[in-house]
Amino acid sequence: MLGPVLLAAARSDGIRRLVAAAPVTRPVVDRYIAGEGLGDAMSAVRALTGRGLDVTLDHLGEDITDPAEARRNRDAYLALCDALAAEGLAERAEMSVKLSAFGQALPGGHDVALANVTPVVEAAAAAGTTVTLDMEDHTTADSTLAVLAELRRSHPQTGAVLQSYLFRTEDDCRALAGEGSRVRLVKGAYKEPASVAFQDKHEVDRAYVRCLGILMAGRGHPMIGSHDPRMVAIAQELARRTGRKPGDYEFQMLYGIREAEQRRLADEGHRMRVYVPYGTDWYGYFMRRLAERPANLAFFLRSLATRG
């Protein structure tokens, strides 16, 4: 029952101010977020790649309604491209972007987001890395996939995220399972209505397996975004059945979650990529992490109790 409450709270300015001001919050946030600045992000990249893990970096920000803020987010990613290239880490670290951080919610938002994200994709390619477009709530899905199609004309390595709880996702998987496509499949972390998304966990899980089967049977590069041991095992079995080698797909997990499993998969020769968020606008991301897993919420509540 708490999941929908927390997802609603993720977009509440009042609760945002309350949580951000609580002295116990920062130490808990630090478990899931690498830090607030570029230097913090680069320190995390060096540490993770030093342990044999790959990285995707998310400069936190979403639902931007100020054009200047959208441009600042663009510039933050351009600085990240420069830093990865300068340290020779571009082959191990890609970037994840939310188009709402690039102005997707502004008037003419589709064109604004495309104009802002294009130089980031170009800079990433010049640095030797790439970009994955995160998927947000269902109202942005068509625009996000249209931006993806535009970007892939010149930069076919640009990736996308699909969410198995949406009814549409099996069709989207079929459309994106072609040669060169990179798709991160996740279950979904936004509060969606029953008219567009499965509400039952078991239905979401079954949809995830169906979607993963489509991607594994395709000609693209599946990216398994899950911490669920069953999904990890199913992915390995599907890879075996479809003749995929470890480099033909990858696992992705969030920074600060199931770190021992991340190391285990990497040690077994799998490509294991860690999703590393950083930046000052951490609230929405943090609340969705609490909503996704009871263990996350329990950890936060224990911290409140012990530090309060």
C-alpha atoms as a PDB file:
ATOM      1  CA  MET A   1       0.000   0.000   0.000  1.00  0.00           C
ATOM      2  CA  LEU A   2       2.885   2.397   0.662  1.00  0.00           C
ATOM      3  CA  GLY A   3       4.236   2.165  -2.879  1.00  0.00           C
ATOM      4  CA  PRO A   4       1.539   4.340  -4.537  1.00  0.00           C
ATOM      5  CA  VAL A   5       1.743   6.803  -1.638  1.00  0.00           C
ATOM      6  CA  LEU A   6       5.492   7.203  -2.081  1.00  0.00           C
ATOM      7  CA  LEU A   7       5.173   7.559  -5.857  1.00  0.00           C
ATOM      8  CA  ALA A   8       2.626  10.336  -5.358  1.00  0.00           C
ATOM      9  CA  ALA A   9       4.942  11.955  -2.796  1.00  0.00           C
ATOM     10  CA  ALA A  10       7.747  11.920  -5.360  1.00  0.00           C
ATOM     11  CA  ARG A  11       5.988  14.806  -7.128  1.00  0.00           C
ATOM     12  CA  SER A  12       4.869  16.745  -4.052  1.00  0.00           C
ATOM     13  CA  ASP A  13       6.752  20.009  -3.495  1.00  0.00           C
ATOM     14  CA  GLY A  14       5.630  20.143   0.147  1.00  0.00           C
ATOM     15  CA  ILE A  15       6.890  16.691   1.003  1.00  0.00           C
ATOM     16  CA  ARG A  16      10.044  17.406  -1.008  1.00  0.00           C
ATOM     17  CA  ARG A  17      10.840  20.367   1.250  1.00  0.00           C
ATOM     18  CA  LEU A  18      10.095  18.349   4.398  1.00  0.00           C
ATOM     19  CA  VAL A  19      12.256  15.371   3.410  1.00  0.00           C
ATOM     20  CA  ALA A  20      15.104  17.516   2.088  1.00  0.00           C
ATOM     21  CA  ALA A  21      15.232  19.531   5.312  1.00  0.00           C
ATOM     22  CA  ALA A  22      15.250  16.512   7.651  1.00  0.00           C
ATOM     23  CA  PRO A  23      18.768  16.075   9.107  1.00  0.00           C
ATOM     24  CA  VAL A  24      18.483  12.280   8.858  1.00  0.00           C
ATOM     25  CA  THR A  25      17.839  12.271   5.120  1.00  0.00           C
ATOM     26  CA  ARG A  26      21.282  12.995   3.688  1.00  0.00           C
ATOM     27  CA  PRO A  27      23.076   9.934   5.110  1.00  0.00           C
ATOM     28  CA  VAL A  28      20.336   7.698   3.701  1.00  0.00           C
ATOM     29  CA  VAL A  29      20.346   9.414   0.316  1.00  0.00           C
ATOM     30  CA  ASP A  30      24.087   8.842   0.107  1.00  0.00           C
ATOM     31  CA  ARG A  31      23.450   5.111  -0.119  1.00  0.00           C
ATOM     32  CA  TYR A  32      21.722   5.512  -3.482  1.00  0.00           C
ATOM     33  CA  ILE A  33      23.256   8.679  -4.942  1.00  0.00           C
ATOM     34  CA  ALA A  34      26.952   9.142  -5.710  1.00  0.00           C
ATOM     35  CA  GLY A  35      27.068  12.811  -4.707  1.00  0.00           C
ATOM     36  CA  GLU A  36      26.035  16.228  -5.919  1.00  0.00           C
ATOM     37  CA  GLY A  37      28.880  17.261  -8.240  1.00  0.00           C
ATOM     38  CA  LEU A  38      30.792  16.061 -11.263  1.00  0.00           C
ATOM     39  CA  GLY A  39      33.794  15.244  -9.096  1.00  0.00           C
ATOM     40  CA  ASP A  40      31.643  12.915  -6.983  1.00  0.00           C
ATOM     41  CA  ALA A  41      30.363  11.190 -10.111  1.00  0.00           C
ATOM     42  CA  MET A  42      33.847  10.679 -11.494  1.00  0.00           C
ATOM     43  CA  SER A  43      35.056   9.258  -8.185  1.00  0.00           C
ATOM     44  CA  ALA A  44      32.244   6.708  -8.351  1.00  0.00           C
ATOM     45  CA  VAL A  45      33.123   5.827 -11.952  1.00  0.00           C
ATOM     46  CA  ARG A  46      36.770   5.254 -11.056  1.00  0.00           C
ATOM     47  CA  ALA A  47      35.845   3.090  -8.065  1.00  0.00           C
ATOM     48  CA  LEU A  48      33.306   0.968  -9.929  1.00  0.00           C
ATOM     49  CA  THR A  49      35.333   0.438 -13.086  1.00  0.00           C
ATOM     50  CA  GLY A  50      38.293  -0.435 -10.895  1.00  0.00           C
ATOM     51  CA  ARG A  51      36.198  -3.346  -9.612  1.00  0.00           C
ATOM     52  CA  GLY A  52      35.362  -4.582 -13.107  1.00  0.00           C
ATOM     53  CA  LEU A  53      31.949  -2.922 -13.359  1.00  0.00           C
ATOM     54  CA  ASP A  54      30.665  -0.695 -16.131  1.00  0.00           C
ATOM     55  CA  VAL A  55      28.637   2.449 -15.449  1.00  0.00           C
ATOM     56  CA  THR A  56      25.790   4.557 -16.759  1.00  0.00           C
ATOM     57  CA  LEU A  57      25.579   8.063 -15.290  1.00  0.00           C
ATOM     58  CA  ASP A  58      22.410  10.057 -14.621  1.00  0.00           C
ATOM     59  CA  HIS A  59      22.686  13.762 -13.796  1.00  0.00           C
ATOM     60  CA  LEU A  60      19.529  14.017 -11.721  1.00  0.00           C
ATOM     61  CA  GLY A  61      16.737  16.311 -12.833  1.00  0.00           C
ATOM     62  CA  GLU A  62      13.247  15.888 -14.251  1.00  0.00           C
ATOM     63  CA  ASP A  63       9.971  17.706 -14.939  1.00  0.00           C
ATOM     64  CA  ILE A  64      11.874  20.889 -15.804  1.00  0.00           C
ATOM     65  CA  THR A  65       9.629  23.893 -16.549  1.00  0.00           C
ATOM     66  CA  ASP A  66      12.367  26.521 -16.952  1.00  0.00           C
ATOM     67  CA  PRO A  67      14.216  26.673 -20.306  1.00  0.00           C
ATOM     68  CA  ALA A  68      17.353  27.915 -18.577  1.00  0.00           C
ATOM     69  CA  GLU A  69      17.334  24.895 -16.266  1.00  0.00           C
ATOM     70  CA  ALA A  70      16.978  22.586 -19.263  1.00  0.00           C
ATOM     71  CA  ARG A  71      20.070  24.180 -20.803  1.00  0.00           C
ATOM     72  CA  ARG A  72      21.969  23.791 -17.519  1.00  0.00           C
ATOM     73  CA  ASN A  73      21.163  20.081 -17.529  1.00  0.00           C
ATOM     74  CA  ARG A  74      22.414  19.859 -21.118  1.00  0.00           C
ATOM     75  CA  ASP A  75      25.631  21.611 -20.107  1.00  0.00           C
ATOM     76  CA  ALA A  76      26.101  19.268 -17.151  1.00  0.00           C
ATOM     77  CA  TYR A  77      26.096  16.303 -19.527  1.00  0.00           C
ATOM     78  CA  LEU A  78      28.475  18.040 -21.908  1.00  0.00           C
ATOM     79  CA  ALA A  79      30.876  18.554 -18.990  1.00  0.00           C
ATOM     80  CA  LEU A  80      30.463  14.885 -18.112  1.00  0.00           C
ATOM     81  CA  CYS A  81      31.413  13.891 -21.674  1.00  0.00           C
ATOM     82  CA  ASP A  82      34.567  15.978 -21.424  1.00  0.00           C
ATOM     83  CA  ALA A  83      35.488  14.454 -18.060  1.00  0.00           C
ATOM     84  CA  LEU A  84      34.994  10.861 -19.256  1.00  0.00           C
ATOM     85  CA  ALA A  85      37.106  11.506 -22.350  1.00  0.00           C
ATOM     86  CA  ALA A  86      39.846  13.251 -20.384  1.00  0.00           C
ATOM     87  CA  GLU A  87      40.206  10.320 -17.978  1.00  0.00           C
ATOM     88  CA  GLY A  88      39.932   7.620 -20.649  1.00  0.00           C
ATOM     89  CA  LEU A  89      36.764   6.193 -19.085  1.00  0.00           C
ATOM     90  CA  ALA A  90      34.338   6.644 -21.977  1.00  0.00           C
ATOM     91  CA  GLU A  91      34.536   2.985 -23.010  1.00  0.00           C
ATOM     92  CA  ARG A  92      33.355   1.925 -19.556  1.00  0.00           C
ATOM     93  CA  ALA A  93      30.814   4.647 -18.797  1.00  0.00           C
ATOM     94  CA  GLU A  94      27.796   5.736 -20.803  1.00  0.00           C
ATOM     95  CA  MET A  95      25.095   8.268 -19.869  1.00  0.00           C
ATOM     96  CA  SER A  96      21.387   8.039 -19.093  1.00  0.00           C
ATOM     97  CA  VAL A  97      19.176  11.068 -19.679  1.00  0.00           C
ATOM     98  CA  LYS A  98      15.584  11.956 -18.869  1.00  0.00           C
ATOM     99  CA  LEU A  99      14.086  14.088 -21.612  1.00  0.00           C
ATOM    100  CA  SER A 100      11.941  15.943 -19.083  1.00  0.00           C
ATOM    101  CA  ALA A 101      15.242  17.333 -17.768  1.00  0.00           C
ATOM    102  CA  PHE A 102      15.889  18.703 -21.273  1.00  0.00           C
ATOM    103  CA  GLY A 103      12.580  20.560 -21.535  1.00  0.00           C
ATOM    104  CA  GLN A 104      10.136  17.907 -22.731  1.00  0.00           C
ATOM    105  CA  ALA A 105       7.375  19.422 -20.540  1.00  0.00           C
ATOM    106  CA  LEU A 106       7.880  22.950 -21.918  1.00  0.00           C
ATOM    107  CA  PRO A 107       5.721  24.407 -24.704  1.00  0.00           C
ATOM    108  CA  GLY A 108       6.937  22.711 -27.868  1.00  0.00           C
ATOM    109  CA  GLY A 109       8.679  20.313 -25.519  1.00  0.00           C
ATOM    110  CA  HIS A 110       9.384  17.577 -28.040  1.00  0.00           C
ATOM    111  CA  ASP A 111      11.430  19.912 -30.216  1.00  0.00           C
ATOM    112  CA  VAL A 112      13.029  21.607 -27.193  1.00  0.00           C
ATOM    113  CA  ALA A 113      14.146  18.279 -25.724  1.00  0.00           C
ATOM    114  CA  LEU A 114      15.459  17.072 -29.070  1.00  0.00           C
ATOM    115  CA  ALA A 115      17.420  20.302 -29.568  1.00  0.00           C
ATOM    116  CA  ASN A 116      18.960  20.045 -26.100  1.00  0.00           C
ATOM    117  CA  VAL A 117      19.777  16.342 -26.117  1.00  0.00           C
ATOM    118  CA  THR A 118      21.260  16.237 -29.637  1.00  0.00           C
ATOM    119  CA  PRO A 119      24.550  17.987 -28.721  1.00  0.00           C
ATOM    120  CA  VAL A 120      24.891  15.614 -25.759  1.00  0.00           C
ATOM    121  CA  VAL A 121      24.534  12.578 -28.017  1.00  0.00           C
ATOM    122  CA  GLU A 122      27.030  14.106 -30.450  1.00  0.00           C
ATOM    123  CA  ALA A 123      29.514  14.867 -27.655  1.00  0.00           C
ATOM    124  CA  ALA A 124      29.123  11.362 -26.273  1.00  0.00           C
ATOM    125  CA  ALA A 125      29.920   9.861 -29.676  1.00  0.00           C
ATOM    126  CA  ALA A 126      32.973  12.102 -30.026  1.00  0.00           C
ATOM    127  CA  ALA A 127      34.153  10.987 -26.582  1.00  0.00           C
ATOM    128  CA  GLY A 128      33.698   7.315 -27.453  1.00  0.00           C
ATOM    129  CA  THR A 129      30.573   6.595 -25.432  1.00  0.00           C
ATOM    130  CA  THR A 130      26.814   6.741 -25.896  1.00  0.00           C
ATOM    131  CA  VAL A 131      23.509   7.830 -24.373  1.00  0.00           C
ATOM    132  CA  THR A 132      20.428   5.929 -23.227  1.00  0.00           C
ATOM    133  CA  LEU A 133      17.062   7.712 -23.045  1.00  0.00           C
ATOM    134  CA  ASP A 134      15.342   6.896 -19.764  1.00  0.00           C
ATOM    135  CA  MET A 135      11.593   6.279 -19.985  1.00  0.00           C
ATOM    136  CA  GLU A 136       9.364   8.315 -17.681  1.00  0.00           C
ATOM    137  CA  ASP A 137       5.590   8.149 -17.206  1.00  0.00           C
ATOM    138  CA  HIS A 138       3.389   6.859 -20.026  1.00  0.00           C
ATOM    139  CA  THR A 139       2.362  10.325 -21.225  1.00  0.00           C
ATOM    140  CA  THR A 140       5.909  10.918 -22.489  1.00  0.00           C
ATOM    141  CA  ALA A 141       6.469   7.531 -24.146  1.00  0.00           C
ATOM    142  CA  ASP A 142       5.522   8.482 -27.709  1.00  0.00           C
ATOM    143  CA  SER A 143       7.618  11.652 -27.619  1.00  0.00           C
ATOM    144  CA  THR A 144      10.595   9.826 -26.105  1.00  0.00           C
ATOM    145  CA  LEU A 145      10.530   7.084 -28.737  1.00  0.00           C
ATOM    146  CA  ALA A 146      10.138   9.685 -31.495  1.00  0.00           C
ATOM    147  CA  VAL A 147      13.219  11.521 -30.193  1.00  0.00           C
ATOM    148  CA  LEU A 148      15.039   8.178 -30.118  1.00  0.00           C
ATOM    149  CA  ALA A 149      14.165   7.557 -33.772  1.00  0.00           C
ATOM    150  CA  GLU A 150      15.504  10.987 -34.720  1.00  0.00           C
ATOM    151  CA  LEU A 151      18.743  10.498 -32.810  1.00  0.00           C
ATOM    152  CA  ARG A 152      19.359   7.012 -34.149  1.00  0.00           C
ATOM    153  CA  ARG A 153      19.429   8.293 -37.724  1.00  0.00           C
ATOM    154  CA  SER A 154      22.877   9.743 -37.062  1.00  0.00           C
ATOM    155  CA  HIS A 155      23.787   7.880 -33.875  1.00  0.00           C
ATOM    156  CA  PRO A 156      22.293   4.374 -34.081  1.00  0.00           C
ATOM    157  CA  GLN A 157      23.975   3.346 -30.842  1.00  0.00           C
ATOM    158  CA  THR A 158      21.594   5.583 -28.844  1.00  0.00           C
ATOM    159  CA  GLY A 159      19.677   3.414 -26.392  1.00  0.00           C
ATOM    160  CA  ALA A 160      16.225   3.448 -24.853  1.00  0.00           C
ATOM    161  CA  VAL A 161      14.463   2.189 -21.748  1.00  0.00           C
ATOM    162  CA  LEU A 162      11.199   0.231 -21.880  1.00  0.00           C
ATOM    163  CA  GLN A 163       8.973  -0.561 -18.894  1.00  0.00           C
ATOM    164  CA  SER A 164       7.300  -3.953 -18.745  1.00  0.00           C
ATOM    165  CA  TYR A 165       4.305  -2.797 -16.712  1.00  0.00           C
ATOM    166  CA  LEU A 166       2.929  -0.785 -19.637  1.00  0.00           C
ATOM    167  CA  PHE A 167       0.543  -2.696 -21.891  1.00  0.00           C
ATOM    168  CA  ARG A 168       2.241  -1.255 -24.983  1.00  0.00           C
ATOM    169  CA  THR A 169       5.727  -2.495 -24.175  1.00  0.00           C
ATOM    170  CA  GLU A 170       5.653  -5.863 -25.954  1.00  0.00           C
ATOM    171  CA  ASP A 171       4.941  -4.037 -29.216  1.00  0.00           C
ATOM    172  CA  ASP A 172       7.677  -1.495 -28.430  1.00  0.00           C
ATOM    173  CA  CYS A 173      10.120  -4.356 -27.801  1.00  0.00           C
ATOM    174  CA  ARG A 174       9.330  -5.846 -31.202  1.00  0.00           C
ATOM    175  CA  ALA A 175       9.875  -2.465 -32.835  1.00  0.00           C
ATOM    176  CA  LEU A 176      13.228  -1.959 -31.098  1.00  0.00           C
ATOM    177  CA  ALA A 177      14.683  -5.468 -31.276  1.00  0.00           C
ATOM    178  CA  GLY A 178      16.509  -4.859 -34.555  1.00  0.00           C
ATOM    179  CA  GLU A 179      20.165  -4.707 -35.462  1.00  0.00           C
ATOM    180  CA  GLY A 180      22.174  -2.232 -33.402  1.00  0.00           C
ATOM    181  CA  SER A 181      19.366  -1.333 -31.030  1.00  0.00           C
ATOM    182  CA  ARG A 182      20.155  -1.030 -27.319  1.00  0.00           C
ATOM    183  CA  VAL A 183      17.207  -1.505 -24.942  1.00  0.00           C
ATOM    184  CA  ARG A 184      17.214  -1.478 -21.161  1.00  0.00           C
ATOM    185  CA  LEU A 185      14.182  -3.385 -19.919  1.00  0.00           C
ATOM    186  CA  VAL A 186      12.881  -2.443 -16.466  1.00  0.00           C
ATOM    187  CA  LYS A 187       9.651  -3.194 -14.637  1.00  0.00           C
ATOM    188  CA  GLY A 188       8.647   0.457 -14.143  1.00  0.00           C
ATOM    189  CA  ALA A 189       8.775   2.920 -11.274  1.00  0.00           C
ATOM    190  CA  TYR A 190       6.028   5.488 -11.910  1.00  0.00           C
ATOM    191  CA  LYS A 191       2.455   5.507 -10.630  1.00  0.00           C
ATOM    192  CA  GLU A 192       0.430   4.552 -13.706  1.00  0.00           C
ATOM    193  CA  PRO A 193      -3.329   4.084 -14.135  1.00  0.00           C
ATOM    194  CA  ALA A 194      -4.901   0.666 -14.689  1.00  0.00           C
ATOM    195  CA  SER A 195      -5.942   1.786 -18.169  1.00  0.00           C
ATOM    196  CA  VAL A 196      -2.323   1.683 -19.405  1.00  0.00           C
ATOM    197  CA  ALA A 197      -0.354  -0.523 -17.029  1.00  0.00           C
ATOM    198  CA  PHE A 198      -0.484  -3.779 -15.132  1.00  0.00           C
ATOM    199  CA  GLN A 199      -1.138  -3.195 -11.440  1.00  0.00           C
ATOM    200  CA  ASP A 200      -0.443  -6.688 -10.103  1.00  0.00           C
ATOM    201  CA  LYS A 201       3.202  -7.537  -9.404  1.00  0.00           C
ATOM    202  CA  HIS A 202       2.885 -11.014 -10.881  1.00  0.00           C
ATOM    203  CA  GLU A 203       1.432  -9.603 -14.101  1.00  0.00           C
ATOM    204  CA  VAL A 204       4.316  -7.131 -14.305  1.00  0.00           C
ATOM    205  CA  ASP A 205       6.795  -9.968 -13.804  1.00  0.00           C
ATOM    206  CA  ARG A 206       5.168 -12.102 -16.501  1.00  0.00           C
ATOM    207  CA  ALA A 207       5.196  -9.152 -18.870  1.00  0.00           C
ATOM    208  CA  TYR A 208       8.887  -8.625 -18.104  1.00  0.00           C
ATOM    209  CA  VAL A 209       9.680 -12.211 -19.093  1.00  0.00           C
ATOM    210  CA  ARG A 210       7.677 -11.927 -22.326  1.00  0.00           C
ATOM    211  CA  CYS A 211       9.416  -8.670 -23.231  1.00  0.00           C
ATOM    212  CA  LEU A 212      12.826 -10.056 -22.364  1.00  0.00           C
ATOM    213  CA  GLY A 213      12.168 -13.056 -24.577  1.00  0.00           C
ATOM    214  CA  ILE A 214      11.419 -10.722 -27.508  1.00  0.00           C
ATOM    215  CA  LEU A 215      14.609  -8.732 -26.956  1.00  0.00           C
ATOM    216  CA  MET A 216      16.804 -11.792 -26.495  1.00  0.00           C
ATOM    217  CA  ALA A 217      15.446 -13.344 -29.698  1.00  0.00           C
ATOM    218  CA  GLY A 218      16.064 -10.108 -31.598  1.00  0.00           C
ATOM    219  CA  ARG A 219      19.239  -8.693 -33.111  1.00  0.00           C
ATOM    220  CA  GLY A 220      19.826  -5.814 -30.719  1.00  0.00           C
ATOM    221  CA  HIS A 221      21.652  -5.536 -27.407  1.00  0.00           C
ATOM    222  CA  PRO A 222      19.336  -6.293 -24.444  1.00  0.00           C
ATOM    223  CA  MET A 223      20.124  -4.601 -21.128  1.00  0.00           C
ATOM    224  CA  ILE A 224      18.475  -6.392 -18.208  1.00  0.00           C
ATOM    225  CA  GLY A 225      17.554  -3.719 -15.675  1.00  0.00           C
ATOM    226  CA  SER A 226      16.497  -5.779 -12.684  1.00  0.00           C
ATOM    227  CA  HIS A 227      17.599  -6.715  -9.172  1.00  0.00           C
ATOM    228  CA  ASP A 228      15.181  -9.643  -9.067  1.00  0.00           C
ATOM    229  CA  PRO A 229      17.155 -12.917  -8.779  1.00  0.00           C
ATOM    230  CA  ARG A 230      14.469 -14.729 -10.788  1.00  0.00           C
ATOM    231  CA  MET A 231      14.772 -12.280 -13.671  1.00  0.00           C
ATOM    232  CA  VAL A 232      18.568 -12.537 -13.611  1.00  0.00           C
ATOM    233  CA  ALA A 233      18.326 -16.334 -13.807  1.00  0.00           C
ATOM    234  CA  ILE A 234      15.676 -16.208 -16.546  1.00  0.00           C
ATOM    235  CA  ALA A 235      17.829 -13.787 -18.535  1.00  0.00           C
ATOM    236  CA  GLN A 236      20.773 -16.159 -18.339  1.00  0.00           C
ATOM    237  CA  GLU A 237      18.620 -19.067 -19.502  1.00  0.00           C
ATOM    238  CA  LEU A 238      17.135 -17.042 -22.378  1.00  0.00           C
ATOM    239  CA  ALA A 239      20.643 -15.999 -23.394  1.00  0.00           C
ATOM    240  CA  ARG A 240      21.694 -19.657 -23.436  1.00  0.00           C
ATOM    241  CA  ARG A 241      18.687 -20.661 -25.532  1.00  0.00           C
ATOM    242  CA  THR A 242      19.218 -17.878 -28.067  1.00  0.00           C
ATOM    243  CA  GLY A 243      22.960 -18.469 -28.332  1.00  0.00           C
ATOM    244  CA  ARG A 244      23.989 -15.131 -26.868  1.00  0.00           C
ATOM    245  CA  LYS A 245      27.454 -14.730 -25.396  1.00  0.00           C
ATOM    246  CA  PRO A 246      28.020 -12.531 -22.283  1.00  0.00           C
ATOM    247  CA  GLY A 247      29.091  -9.563 -24.436  1.00  0.00           C
ATOM    248  CA  ASP A 248      25.840  -9.759 -26.436  1.00  0.00           C
ATOM    249  CA  TYR A 249      23.732  -8.519 -23.527  1.00  0.00           C
ATOM    250  CA  GLU A 250      24.307  -6.964 -20.124  1.00  0.00           C
ATOM    251  CA  PHE A 251      22.878  -6.663 -16.656  1.00  0.00           C
ATOM    252  CA  GLN A 252      22.176  -3.285 -15.093  1.00  0.00           C
ATOM    253  CA  MET A 253      21.514  -2.513 -11.438  1.00  0.00           C
ATOM    254  CA  LEU A 254      21.226   0.632  -9.375  1.00  0.00           C
ATOM    255  CA  TYR A 255      24.047   2.181  -7.397  1.00  0.00           C
ATOM    256  CA  GLY A 256      23.871   1.033  -3.783  1.00  0.00           C
ATOM    257  CA  ILE A 257      21.548  -1.932  -4.353  1.00  0.00           C
ATOM    258  CA  ARG A 258      22.596  -5.617  -4.393  1.00  0.00           C
ATOM    259  CA  GLU A 259      26.278  -4.775  -4.617  1.00  0.00           C
ATOM    260  CA  ALA A 260      27.360  -8.342  -3.852  1.00  0.00           C
ATOM    261  CA  GLU A 261      25.242  -9.596  -6.753  1.00  0.00           C
ATOM    262  CA  GLN A 262      26.760  -6.976  -9.026  1.00  0.00           C
ATOM    263  CA  ARG A 263      30.238  -8.216  -8.165  1.00  0.00           C
ATOM    264  CA  ARG A 264      29.186 -11.862  -8.567  1.00  0.00           C
ATOM    265  CA  LEU A 265      27.883 -11.322 -12.083  1.00  0.00           C
ATOM    266  CA  ALA A 266      30.982  -9.361 -13.079  1.00  0.00           C
ATOM    267  CA  ASP A 267      33.236 -12.046 -11.620  1.00  0.00           C
ATOM    268  CA  GLU A 268      31.394 -14.664 -13.689  1.00  0.00           C
ATOM    269  CA  GLY A 269      32.286 -12.768 -16.861  1.00  0.00           C
ATOM    270  CA  HIS A 270      29.001 -10.945 -17.440  1.00  0.00           C
ATOM    271  CA  ARG A 271      28.913  -7.281 -18.366  1.00  0.00           C
ATOM    272  CA  MET A 272      27.473  -5.654 -15.270  1.00  0.00           C
ATOM    273  CA  ARG A 273      26.607  -1.941 -15.539  1.00  0.00           C
ATOM    274  CA  VAL A 274      25.795   0.179 -12.492  1.00  0.00           C
ATOM    275  CA  TYR A 275      23.310   3.045 -12.834  1.00  0.00           C
ATOM    276  CA  VAL A 276      24.982   5.928 -10.987  1.00  0.00           C
ATOM    277  CA  PRO A 277      22.848   9.011 -10.248  1.00  0.00           C
ATOM    278  CA  TYR A 278      24.358  12.259  -9.048  1.00  0.00           C
ATOM    279  CA  GLY A 279      23.326  15.888  -8.641  1.00  0.00           C
ATOM    280  CA  THR A 280      21.350  18.130  -6.325  1.00  0.00           C
ATOM    281  CA  ASP A 281      17.873  17.307  -7.690  1.00  0.00           C
ATOM    282  CA  TRP A 282      17.727  13.884  -6.051  1.00  0.00           C
ATOM    283  CA  TYR A 283      14.287  13.881  -4.427  1.00  0.00           C
ATOM    284  CA  GLY A 284      12.110  12.276  -7.141  1.00  0.00           C
ATOM    285  CA  TYR A 285      14.674   9.561  -7.823  1.00  0.00           C
ATOM    286  CA  PHE A 286      15.081   8.843  -4.113  1.00  0.00           C
ATOM    287  CA  MET A 287      11.341   8.483  -3.465  1.00  0.00           C
ATOM    288  CA  ARG A 288      10.925   6.057  -6.372  1.00  0.00           C
ATOM    289  CA  ARG A 289      13.709   3.901  -4.966  1.00  0.00           C
ATOM    290  CA  LEU A 290      11.839   3.738  -1.656  1.00  0.00           C
ATOM    291  CA  ALA A 291       8.610   2.831  -3.442  1.00  0.00           C
ATOM    292  CA  GLU A 292      10.149   0.066  -5.550  1.00  0.00           C
ATOM    293  CA  ARG A 293      11.350  -2.230  -2.794  1.00  0.00           C
ATOM    294  CA  PRO A 294      10.182  -2.721   0.803  1.00  0.00           C
ATOM    295  CA  ALA A 295      13.820  -3.260   1.792  1.00  0.00           C
ATOM    296  CA  ASN A 296      14.657   0.273   0.661  1.00  0.00           C
ATOM    297  CA  LEU A 297      11.816   1.750   2.700  1.00  0.00           C
ATOM    298  CA  ALA A 298      12.745  -0.349   5.737  1.00  0.00           C
ATOM    299  CA  PHE A 299      16.324   0.895   5.492  1.00  0.00           C
ATOM    300  CA  PHE A 300      15.121   4.517   5.374  1.00  0.00           C
ATOM    301  CA  LEU A 301      12.731   4.068   8.310  1.00  0.00           C
ATOM    302  CA  ARG A 302      15.426   2.361  10.416  1.00  0.00           C
ATOM    303  CA  SER A 303      17.702   5.298   9.697  1.00  0.00           C
ATOM    304  CA  LEU A 304      15.002   7.725  10.767  1.00  0.00           C
ATOM    305  CA  ALA A 305      14.518   5.803  13.990  1.00  0.00           C
ATOM    306  CA  THR A 306      18.199   5.508  14.858  1.00  0.00           C
ATOM    307  CA  ARG A 307      19.106   9.095  13.937  1.00  0.00           C
ATOM    308  CA  GLY A 308      15.915  10.866  14.905  1.00  0.00           C
END
